[in-house]
Structure formats: C-alpha cells, structure tokens
Protein backbone atom coordinates (compact mmCIF):
# COMPACT_ATOMS: atom_id res chain seq x y z
CA MET A 1 -35.63 181.26 58.00
CA ASN A 2 -34.83 178.90 55.09
CA VAL A 3 -36.87 180.15 52.13
CA LEU A 4 -37.00 176.73 50.50
CA ARG A 5 -38.34 175.12 53.69
CA LEU A 6 -40.96 177.82 54.29
CA PRO A 7 -43.71 176.44 51.99
CA PHE A 8 -43.28 172.89 53.29
CA GLY A 9 -42.99 173.56 57.02
CA ALA A 10 -45.54 172.21 59.47
CA ARG A 11 -46.55 175.72 60.52
CA THR A 12 -47.33 176.72 56.93
CA TRP A 13 -49.53 173.66 56.41
CA ARG A 14 -51.36 174.20 59.72
CA GLU A 15 -52.03 177.85 58.97
CA GLY A 16 -52.99 177.08 55.37
CA THR A 17 -55.46 174.43 56.53
CA HIS A 18 -56.95 176.95 58.94
CA LEU A 19 -57.39 179.48 56.13
CA LEU A 20 -59.02 176.88 53.86
CA LEU A 21 -61.49 175.96 56.62
CA ASN A 22 -62.53 179.60 56.91
CA LEU A 23 -64.90 179.31 53.95
CA PRO A 24 -67.10 176.37 55.05
CA LEU A 25 -67.19 177.63 58.65
CA GLY A 26 -67.80 181.16 57.38
CA ILE A 27 -70.79 179.99 55.36
CA ALA A 28 -72.24 178.24 58.40
CA SER A 29 -71.72 181.18 60.74
CA PHE A 30 -72.99 183.70 58.19
CA VAL A 31 -76.16 181.70 57.60
CA ILE A 32 -76.79 181.38 61.36
CA ALA A 33 -76.15 185.08 61.94
CA VAL A 34 -78.16 186.47 59.02
CA THR A 35 -81.04 184.04 59.38
CA GLY A 36 -81.20 184.36 63.16
CA LEU A 37 -80.96 188.15 63.18
CA SER A 38 -83.52 188.50 60.38
CA VAL A 39 -86.08 186.18 61.94
CA SER A 40 -85.67 187.50 65.47
CA GLY A 41 -85.66 191.09 64.19
CA GLY A 42 -88.90 190.49 62.36
CA LEU A 43 -90.44 189.02 65.52
CA LEU A 44 -89.42 191.87 67.82
CA ILE A 45 -93.01 193.11 67.80
CA THR A 46 -93.97 189.86 69.53
CA PHE A 47 -92.87 188.50 72.89
CA VAL A 48 -90.65 185.83 71.29
CA GLY A 49 -88.42 188.26 69.36
CA LEU A 50 -86.01 189.21 72.14
CA PRO A 51 -85.64 185.68 73.59
CA LEU A 52 -85.02 184.32 70.09
CA LEU A 53 -82.41 187.01 69.47
CA ALA A 54 -80.73 186.07 72.75
CA VAL A 55 -80.62 182.40 71.66
CA VAL A 56 -79.06 183.42 68.32
CA LEU A 57 -76.43 185.45 70.17
CA LEU A 58 -75.74 182.44 72.41
CA LEU A 59 -75.13 180.27 69.32
CA LEU A 60 -72.74 182.86 67.92
CA ARG A 61 -70.88 183.01 71.24
CA LEU A 62 -70.52 179.22 71.09
CA PHE A 63 -69.24 179.57 67.53
CA GLY A 64 -66.71 182.09 68.86
CA ARG A 65 -65.52 179.48 71.37
CA ILE A 66 -65.01 177.01 68.52
CA GLU A 67 -63.03 179.62 66.60
CA ARG A 68 -60.79 180.31 69.59
CA GLY A 69 -60.10 176.59 69.86
CA ARG A 70 -59.38 176.36 66.13
CA ALA A 71 -56.97 179.30 66.36
CA ARG A 72 -55.23 177.61 69.28
CA VAL A 73 -54.77 174.35 67.34
CA PHE A 74 -53.90 175.64 63.86
CA LEU A 75 -52.48 179.13 64.47
CA GLY A 76 -50.80 178.54 67.82
CA SER A 77 -52.61 181.62 69.14
CA THR A 78 -54.01 181.34 72.65
CA VAL A 79 -56.86 183.85 72.96
CA ALA A 80 -58.13 184.35 76.48
CA GLU A 81 -61.77 183.67 77.20
CA PRO A 82 -63.86 186.86 77.17
CA GLU A 83 -65.64 188.09 80.23
CA PRO A 84 -68.50 185.79 81.30
CA LEU A 85 -72.14 186.69 81.02
CA ARG A 86 -73.08 188.92 83.95
CA MET A 87 -76.68 189.33 85.07
CA ARG A 88 -77.71 192.30 87.15
CA GLU A 89 -77.25 191.79 90.86
CA GLY A 90 -80.26 190.22 92.50
CA ARG A 91 -81.91 189.26 89.21
CA ARG A 92 -82.30 185.69 87.99
CA GLY A 93 -84.41 183.81 85.52
CA PRO A 94 -84.96 183.79 81.73
CA LEU A 95 -85.69 187.52 81.48
CA ALA A 96 -82.51 188.45 83.36
CA TRP A 97 -80.52 186.06 81.18
CA THR A 98 -82.02 187.52 78.00
CA GLU A 99 -81.22 191.05 79.15
CA ALA A 100 -77.64 190.10 80.02
CA MET A 101 -77.14 188.39 76.67
CA LEU A 102 -78.40 191.44 74.77
CA ARG A 103 -76.29 193.86 76.83
CA SER A 104 -73.07 191.86 76.54
CA ASN A 105 -70.60 193.30 74.06
CA VAL A 106 -69.08 189.80 73.77
CA SER A 107 -72.27 188.67 72.04
CA TRP A 108 -72.20 191.48 69.50
CA ARG A 109 -68.50 191.14 68.82
CA ALA A 110 -69.05 187.44 68.14
CA THR A 111 -71.87 188.43 65.77
CA ALA A 112 -69.56 190.84 63.94
CA TYR A 113 -66.98 188.08 63.57
CA ALA A 114 -69.59 185.67 62.19
CA LEU A 115 -70.70 188.22 59.59
CA LEU A 116 -67.12 189.00 58.56
CA GLN A 117 -66.14 185.36 58.36
CA LEU A 118 -67.84 184.73 55.00
CA PRO A 119 -66.13 187.45 52.93
CA TRP A 120 -62.87 186.92 54.77
CA GLY A 121 -63.14 183.15 54.38
CA THR A 122 -63.85 183.52 50.67
CA LEU A 123 -60.70 185.62 50.26
CA THR A 124 -58.46 183.27 52.23
CA PHE A 125 -59.86 180.12 50.61
CA CYS A 126 -59.46 181.44 47.06
CA ALA A 127 -55.95 182.75 47.68
CA VAL A 128 -54.62 179.63 49.38
CA ALA A 129 -56.44 177.13 47.15
CA THR A 130 -55.30 178.88 43.95
CA LEU A 131 -51.64 179.20 44.93
CA TRP A 132 -51.43 175.75 46.49
CA GLY A 133 -53.30 174.07 43.62
CA ALA A 134 -51.33 175.76 40.84
CA GLY A 135 -48.04 175.60 42.72
CA LEU A 136 -48.29 171.92 43.66
CA GLY A 137 -49.52 171.05 40.16
CA ALA A 138 -46.61 172.80 38.47
CA LEU A 139 -44.04 171.58 40.98
CA THR A 140 -45.03 167.94 40.57
CA LEU A 141 -45.60 168.05 36.77
CA PRO A 142 -42.43 166.05 36.04
CA LEU A 143 -43.93 163.22 38.11
CA TRP A 144 -47.31 163.00 36.40
CA GLY A 145 -46.95 164.83 33.06
CA TRP A 146 -46.27 161.62 31.18
CA ALA A 147 -49.73 160.32 32.00
CA ILE A 148 -51.35 163.03 29.84
CA THR A 149 -49.92 161.71 26.59
CA ARG A 150 -50.31 158.06 27.54
CA TYR A 151 -53.90 158.04 28.78
CA THR A 152 -55.48 161.00 26.94
CA ASP A 153 -55.65 162.27 23.39
CA GLU A 154 -53.83 165.48 24.36
CA PRO A 155 -50.26 165.96 23.14
CA GLY A 156 -49.29 167.22 26.59
CA VAL A 157 -49.46 170.29 28.75
CA GLY A 158 -49.22 173.43 26.67
CA VAL A 159 -50.35 176.95 25.90
CA ASP A 160 -52.68 177.90 23.01
CA THR A 161 -52.89 174.39 21.60
CA ASP A 162 -55.58 173.84 19.00
CA GLY A 163 -55.24 170.11 18.62
CA GLU A 164 -53.59 170.47 15.16
CA GLY A 165 -50.01 170.82 16.22
CA GLY A 166 -50.18 174.53 17.04
CA GLY A 167 -49.20 176.30 20.25
CA TRP A 168 -46.50 175.54 22.72
CA ILE A 169 -46.31 172.04 24.14
CA TRP A 170 -44.24 171.45 27.27
CA ASP A 171 -42.81 168.00 26.79
CA THR A 172 -39.05 168.23 27.11
CA PRO A 173 -37.09 167.71 30.36
CA TRP A 174 -35.92 171.35 30.34
CA GLU A 175 -39.46 172.60 29.98
CA TYR A 176 -40.60 170.32 32.79
CA ALA A 177 -37.78 171.68 34.98
CA LEU A 178 -38.83 175.26 34.16
CA ILE A 179 -42.46 174.52 35.11
CA ALA A 180 -41.31 172.88 38.36
CA LEU A 181 -39.26 176.00 39.15
CA VAL A 182 -42.32 178.19 38.56
CA GLY A 183 -44.30 175.89 40.84
CA LEU A 184 -41.66 176.20 43.57
CA LEU A 185 -41.80 179.99 43.33
CA MET A 186 -45.59 179.85 43.62
CA MET A 187 -45.32 177.65 46.72
CA ILE A 188 -42.85 180.09 48.28
CA LEU A 189 -45.22 182.95 47.50
CA ALA A 190 -48.06 180.90 49.00
CA GLY A 191 -46.00 180.39 52.17
CA TRP A 192 -45.42 184.11 52.66
CA LEU A 193 -49.05 184.93 51.83
CA ILE A 194 -50.27 182.30 54.30
CA ARG A 195 -48.09 183.83 57.04
CA ALA A 196 -49.52 187.29 56.32
CA LEU A 197 -53.14 186.11 56.20
CA ALA A 198 -52.65 184.08 59.38
CA ALA A 199 -51.36 187.21 61.15
CA VAL A 200 -54.52 189.07 60.11
CA GLU A 201 -56.58 186.10 61.27
CA ARG A 202 -54.96 186.18 64.72
CA THR A 203 -55.73 189.88 65.00
CA LEU A 204 -59.38 189.33 64.08
CA VAL A 205 -59.83 186.47 66.54
CA SER A 206 -58.10 188.37 69.34
CA ALA A 207 -59.97 191.63 68.71
CA LEU A 208 -63.47 190.22 68.21
CA LEU A 209 -63.48 186.96 70.17
CA GLY A 210 -61.13 187.73 73.04
CA PRO A 211 -61.71 189.90 76.10
CA SER A 212 -62.30 193.58 75.42
CA SER A 213 -59.74 196.19 76.40
CA ALA A 214 -62.03 197.40 79.17
CA ALA A 215 -62.42 193.88 80.57
CA THR A 216 -58.67 193.31 80.35
CA ARG A 217 -58.07 196.55 82.23
CA VAL A 218 -60.58 195.55 84.92
CA GLN A 219 -58.84 192.19 85.37
CA GLN A 220 -55.48 193.93 85.60
CA LEU A 221 -56.80 196.36 88.20
CA GLU A 222 -58.29 193.49 90.21
CA SER A 223 -54.95 191.68 90.09
CA ASP A 224 -53.10 194.86 91.07
CA ARG A 225 -55.51 195.43 93.93
CA THR A 226 -54.80 191.92 95.21
CA VAL A 227 -51.07 192.59 95.08
CA VAL A 228 -51.48 195.87 96.97
CA VAL A 229 -53.71 194.27 99.62
CA ASP A 230 -51.27 191.38 100.09
CA ALA A 231 -48.31 193.78 100.34
CA SER A 232 -50.16 195.94 102.86
CA ALA A 233 -51.08 192.90 104.94
CA ALA A 234 -47.44 191.73 104.87
CA ASP A 235 -46.26 195.18 105.98
CA LEU A 236 -48.75 195.21 108.84
CA ARG A 237 -47.60 191.76 109.96
CA ARG A 238 -43.98 192.92 109.81
CA ILE A 239 -44.74 196.04 111.86
CA GLU A 240 -46.67 193.98 114.41
CA ARG A 241 -43.82 191.46 114.63
CA ASP A 242 -41.20 194.17 115.02
CA LEU A 243 -43.21 195.89 117.74
CA HIS A 244 -43.89 192.64 119.58
CA ASP A 245 -40.37 191.27 119.37
CA GLY A 246 -38.51 194.55 119.72
CA ALA A 247 -39.78 197.75 121.30
CA GLN A 248 -42.70 196.13 123.12
CA ALA A 249 -40.49 193.49 124.72
CA ARG A 250 -37.98 196.15 125.79
CA LEU A 251 -40.72 198.33 127.27
CA VAL A 252 -42.12 195.38 129.24
CA ALA A 253 -38.64 194.63 130.60
CA LEU A 254 -38.18 198.32 131.36
CA ALA A 255 -41.42 198.41 133.39
CA MET A 256 -40.30 195.37 135.37
CA ASP A 257 -36.85 196.87 136.04
CA LEU A 258 -38.33 200.17 137.20
CA GLY A 259 -40.70 198.29 139.50
CA LEU A 260 -37.81 196.41 141.07
CA ALA A 261 -35.80 199.65 141.37
CA ARG A 262 -38.66 201.31 143.19
CA GLU A 263 -38.79 198.46 145.68
CA LYS A 264 -35.04 198.67 146.32
CA LEU A 265 -34.95 202.47 146.47
CA THR A 266 -35.20 202.57 150.30
CA GLU A 267 -33.39 199.29 151.05
CA ASP A 268 -30.43 199.54 148.63
CA PRO A 269 -30.20 202.94 146.89
CA GLN A 270 -27.01 202.02 145.02
CA ALA A 271 -28.56 198.89 143.49
CA ALA A 272 -31.66 200.92 142.63
CA ALA A 273 -29.44 203.53 140.92
CA ARG A 274 -27.74 200.79 138.85
CA MET A 275 -31.14 199.41 137.81
CA VAL A 276 -32.29 202.90 136.83
CA ASP A 277 -29.13 203.31 134.71
CA GLU A 278 -29.81 199.98 132.99
CA ALA A 279 -33.42 201.04 132.43
CA HIS A 280 -32.16 204.27 130.89
CA GLY A 281 -30.11 202.26 128.41
CA GLU A 282 -33.13 200.12 127.58
CA VAL A 283 -35.13 203.29 126.92
CA LYS A 284 -32.53 204.46 124.44
CA LEU A 285 -32.56 201.12 122.63
CA ALA A 286 -36.36 201.09 122.54
CA LEU A 287 -36.40 204.63 121.14
CA GLN A 288 -33.88 203.64 118.45
CA GLU A 289 -35.98 200.64 117.46
CA LEU A 290 -39.09 202.81 117.29
CA ARG A 291 -37.21 205.32 115.12
CA ASP A 292 -36.09 202.53 112.79
CA LEU A 293 -39.62 201.19 112.66
CA ALA A 294 -41.05 204.65 111.90
CA ARG A 295 -38.43 205.11 109.20
CA GLY A 296 -39.56 201.84 107.65
CA ILE A 297 -43.18 203.01 107.62
CA HIS A 298 -42.55 206.47 106.22
CA PRO A 299 -39.40 208.42 107.09
CA ALA A 300 -39.84 211.96 108.30
CA ILE A 301 -36.96 213.16 106.12
CA LEU A 302 -38.85 212.07 103.01
CA THR A 303 -41.93 214.03 104.03
CA ASP A 304 -39.98 217.13 105.06
CA ARG A 305 -37.19 217.35 102.48
CA GLY A 306 -38.03 215.07 99.55
CA LEU A 307 -36.33 212.26 97.64
CA GLY A 308 -32.83 213.72 97.40
CA PRO A 309 -32.02 213.94 101.13
CA ALA A 310 -34.06 210.81 101.92
CA LEU A 311 -32.17 208.69 99.37
CA SER A 312 -28.88 210.14 100.54
CA ALA A 313 -29.75 208.97 104.06
CA VAL A 314 -30.54 205.49 102.74
CA ALA A 315 -27.31 205.42 100.73
CA SER A 316 -25.29 206.34 103.83
CA ARG A 317 -26.46 203.11 105.49
CA CYS A 318 -25.41 200.95 102.54
CA THR A 319 -22.31 198.79 103.01
CA VAL A 320 -20.72 200.10 99.76
CA PRO A 321 -20.16 203.71 98.68
CA VAL A 322 -23.20 205.01 96.82
CA ALA A 323 -23.37 208.13 94.64
CA VAL A 324 -26.84 209.69 94.63
CA GLU A 325 -28.01 212.11 91.95
CA VAL A 326 -31.61 213.37 91.97
CA GLU A 327 -32.65 215.72 89.16
CA LEU A 328 -36.21 216.79 89.85
CA ALA A 329 -37.54 220.29 89.31
CA GLU A 330 -40.54 219.51 91.50
CA ARG A 331 -41.65 216.79 93.86
CA PRO A 332 -44.05 214.08 92.69
CA ALA A 333 -47.17 213.01 94.57
CA ALA A 334 -46.48 211.69 98.05
CA ALA A 335 -47.57 208.14 97.16
CA ILE A 336 -45.26 207.96 94.13
CA GLU A 337 -42.45 209.53 96.13
CA GLY A 338 -42.88 206.91 98.85
CA ILE A 339 -42.85 204.04 96.34
CA ALA A 340 -39.68 205.41 94.73
CA TYR A 341 -38.04 205.70 98.16
CA PHE A 342 -38.86 202.16 99.30
CA THR A 343 -37.96 200.73 95.87
CA THR A 344 -34.53 202.35 96.04
CA SER A 345 -34.11 201.25 99.66
CA GLU A 346 -34.84 197.63 98.78
CA LEU A 347 -32.52 197.70 95.77
CA LEU A 348 -29.69 199.11 97.88
CA GLN A 349 -30.30 196.38 100.45
CA ASN A 350 -29.85 193.85 97.65
CA VAL A 351 -26.60 195.57 96.70
CA SER A 352 -25.38 195.30 100.29
CA LYS A 353 -26.38 191.65 100.74
CA HIS A 354 -25.87 189.96 97.37
CA SER A 355 -23.84 191.97 94.88
CA ALA A 356 -20.29 191.94 96.31
CA ALA A 357 -19.99 195.35 94.68
CA ARG A 358 -17.34 197.98 95.35
CA HIS A 359 -19.43 200.95 94.24
CA ALA A 360 -23.05 201.76 93.44
CA SER A 361 -25.02 204.72 92.15
CA VAL A 362 -28.59 205.97 92.33
CA ASP A 363 -30.04 208.26 89.66
CA VAL A 364 -33.53 209.77 89.79
CA TRP A 365 -35.03 211.92 87.05
CA ARG A 366 -38.28 212.72 85.31
CA ALA A 367 -38.92 211.53 81.74
CA GLU A 368 -42.16 213.09 80.45
CA ASN A 369 -44.91 211.38 82.46
CA ARG A 370 -42.62 208.92 84.25
CA LEU A 371 -40.48 209.10 87.36
CA MET A 372 -37.33 207.11 86.62
CA VAL A 373 -35.20 205.47 89.30
CA GLN A 374 -32.00 203.67 88.34
CA VAL A 375 -29.69 201.76 90.68
CA THR A 376 -26.37 200.53 89.28
CA ASP A 377 -23.61 198.50 90.92
CA ASP A 378 -20.33 196.93 89.76
CA GLY A 379 -20.96 193.61 91.52
CA ARG A 380 -21.03 190.02 90.32
CA GLY A 381 -24.30 190.37 88.35
CA GLY A 382 -26.70 187.53 87.64
CA ALA A 383 -29.76 189.20 89.18
CA ASP A 384 -32.96 187.63 87.84
CA ALA A 385 -36.52 188.62 88.71
CA THR A 386 -37.87 185.30 87.37
CA ALA A 387 -35.92 183.21 89.88
CA GLY A 388 -38.38 183.87 92.72
CA SER A 389 -36.18 186.52 94.36
CA GLY A 390 -37.25 189.74 96.04
CA LEU A 391 -37.00 191.44 92.66
CA ALA A 392 -40.10 189.52 91.52
CA GLY A 393 -42.13 190.89 94.42
CA LEU A 394 -40.77 194.36 93.76
CA ALA A 395 -41.82 194.12 90.10
CA GLU A 396 -45.33 193.05 91.16
CA ARG A 397 -45.66 195.99 93.57
CA LEU A 398 -44.55 198.41 90.86
CA ALA A 399 -46.97 196.89 88.37
CA ALA A 400 -49.79 197.51 90.85
CA VAL A 401 -49.36 201.26 90.27
CA ASP A 402 -48.71 200.93 86.50
CA GLY A 403 -44.96 200.92 87.07
CA LEU A 404 -42.28 198.87 85.33
CA LEU A 405 -39.05 197.21 86.47
CA ALA A 406 -36.25 196.51 83.97
CA ILE A 407 -33.17 194.50 84.97
CA THR A 408 -29.87 194.23 83.09
CA SER A 409 -27.50 191.97 84.98
CA PRO A 410 -25.12 189.82 82.93
CA ALA A 411 -22.91 187.33 84.72
CA GLY A 412 -19.90 189.21 86.02
CA GLY A 413 -21.82 192.49 86.20
CA PRO A 414 -22.51 195.30 86.15
CA THR A 415 -26.13 195.27 87.29
CA THR A 416 -28.54 198.02 86.34
CA VAL A 417 -32.09 198.04 87.70
CA THR A 418 -34.45 200.69 86.33
CA ALA A 419 -37.85 201.42 87.82
CA ALA A 420 -40.36 203.56 85.92
CA LEU A 421 -43.24 204.99 87.95
CA PRO A 422 -46.14 207.09 86.68
CA TRP A 423 -45.60 210.76 87.41
CA ARG A 424 -48.33 212.47 89.37
CA ASP A 425 -48.08 216.09 90.36
CA ARG A 426 -47.95 216.74 94.07
CA ALA A 427 -50.49 219.59 93.88
CA ALA A 428 -52.97 217.51 91.88
CA ALA A 429 -52.82 214.48 94.16
CA PRO A 430 -55.15 215.79 96.91
CA ALA A 431 -57.71 216.92 94.35
CA ALA A 432 -57.64 213.51 92.74
CA ALA A 433 -58.09 211.88 96.13
CA ARG A 434 -61.17 213.95 96.79
C-alpha cells in the first residue's frame, strides 16, 4: 500500500465519514434506548409496560437495520440479516408478538449496540475530527496562511505570540513547508487510525447486529441436512436405475429364456440345453451386477476388514498404479469410515478418467480429532472445485458432516486432494446414536 495515498484514498474517506456519523446517530439511538427503556420499565406495573418495551425494542431493531446498511455502504461490510422474529407455534396476535419480541436475543443485542454507540461514537468522532481538522489545516496552510496577515490584525500563525512581537511566527516559506509536512504526517496517522477504528466498527456491527453464532450454526445444519437429503435421494435414484436397467432386465430375460427352455425340453432337448447354458451365463452376469451394486452401496470388505483392505481393493480397479498407505491404530465410526471410502473411490475415479496420470497414491491417517485422506497423482493438474465439477459436489457432501476438502492442482500437476473428516470413535458411535 502506498503510504502517501493512504490518507487520500476513497476507502479512507468513506470509513472516516462513517466514523464521524457515529456521534449524531449514537446520540439518537442512545436517547431512544435510554428513554424507551426507562419509561417502559417504570410502567411495567401497568398493562402498557411490556407492549411499550416491545415497541422500543422494535425501534432499536429497525435502527440496527439502518446500521447494517450504513456499514455496507461506507465500510464495505456485508452483515447478514439476523434471524427473524419467531412466535411460538400456534400463537398469533399482539400478545404473542410482544412475547416473541421480548424473548428475541436480536432485540437485546440491538439494544446493547444502541447503548454502546454513544460512547463509541464520541471516541471515533473526536479522534477523526481532531486529526482530520488539524492535519488538513496544517497541510493546506501554505494555501491560506497569507490571508491571516492581510485580513486580520494577527502577524500570522505562531506559538506563544503576545501581540507585541514576541513568540514564534511562522511566516517564511521553509516554516510553511515544515507545517505542511507535519500536516501530512497527521493525515497519514489519521488514515491508519481510521482503518483500525473501522475494523473495530465492523466487529461490533457483525457481533451485535448480525446473526448469532447459534443461529448461524442452525442455518448451516439446515443447509447440510438439505445436502445430505439431496445426496441420499440421488443415490436412491441411481440404485433404482441400476437395478431397473441392469440386474432386473437380465432377470426378466432369464425368466423368459427358462420358460422357453421348459417348453422345448421334450420337443428339442439339445436346444433346451443351449438355452439353459445361455441362461446360466445371464445368471452370472446378473450376480456380478448385483455384487457391483452392493459394493457401491456399502462394500462387505469395508465392514469386515476396514479402510486399508477396502481402499486397496478400490485402488486395484484404478487404471493407473496406486500406492495405498493407511496408518490407523483403530477404526473410526462406521459412518465416517464409509464417507472416507466413497470419497477416496470418487477421487480415484477422477484420476482414472481425467488426470492422464502415470502414478497415484492414497494416504490415510489420524490427526488429533480429524481423519485425513489424501489422494495425489502426477497428472496434468488443473482440477478446480469451483468449475462445477464433481469435486464441488464432493466438497458439499463433506461439509455436511463438518468435513473439509482442500485441492492443490497447478497446471501441469501434480494434483493433491486432501479431505479432512471429523474423527468419531467406533465404540462411541452406537451410544451417540441411542
């Protein structure tokens, strides 16, 4: 960042204007909050106290909306809307609305912000106004200093002047240049201070006027649940399609062939024998398709022997040589183990289809409370989860269980994809399910 451009940049002036506006808006919000809370608190012994308090909280919530908009315009900080007012299920009317307004933590956080705005606004206004006023005055003194001696009785700008020739009068070009330099330093200091105060302002607005951590977590869980439901529905559709188009069709054809063979058994035994042989081949193909389908749902080798043998089996079907190394002292929960297996399987499919690699590796280990899975290949690189590929869907499915997907894939390779899943002990999983 250019230090000399800092105090005169558009961002500095926007943030400085925001900090100057804190005082008048802080006075207004403080008066509304203190007056409203005092009056409604004094009337709590009557039936109008609680409704009046709810109206005051509504005004402060509206003030919070204004502040979020102001932060968006001047600070470039987009603060999400907090959770909406929620009335108890089955209850409507003024009393239900009053109860919901009083129970909402959004209302009380907006009240806390309104009460803090006055002292905070006083601090920001005084700091910015003092530094900007003194800095701009000193920086521009060479432009207007001459007017003091021409239009006033003062000999000029000085220090400790008594009107009788004493003190220090700044009236030479070198002294004007020195004052302008001091003004520039003050403007630079003001720029840095404005950046720091604006950062604190963003934190206050986000913490007190944005959604709470609990509400954010609920929204994340709802989003994750949607992803899981959609993925499950897609898997069910895939299984149904594979059964309908594969094994089911073969079994229907097999039934028809066996029926024809039974009819020809007495008339043409040799033709019936050939049809039985063909049916036997169809049975084998149907069984293989059912095995592949079962492996895609949950392979028996994963359940019986764990990630190491299961991933080795997956690696053996990859079109490039794959080295598998699994370092786990114990097995994770079955659900986490299954996600790790299918994640690795999908990544190895990508290696086979898209990477043009000559070699790949799979590493699995435990890092504190995380199960780490890393797939590396020496292919062409250029993998990008933001390009709408299967990696984006994989990242969403991992996020649904608080997992992460990190991709390093420069053009020309190599590509390294690391998945981090939450570790859950296998013995504790059934207890948690209960």
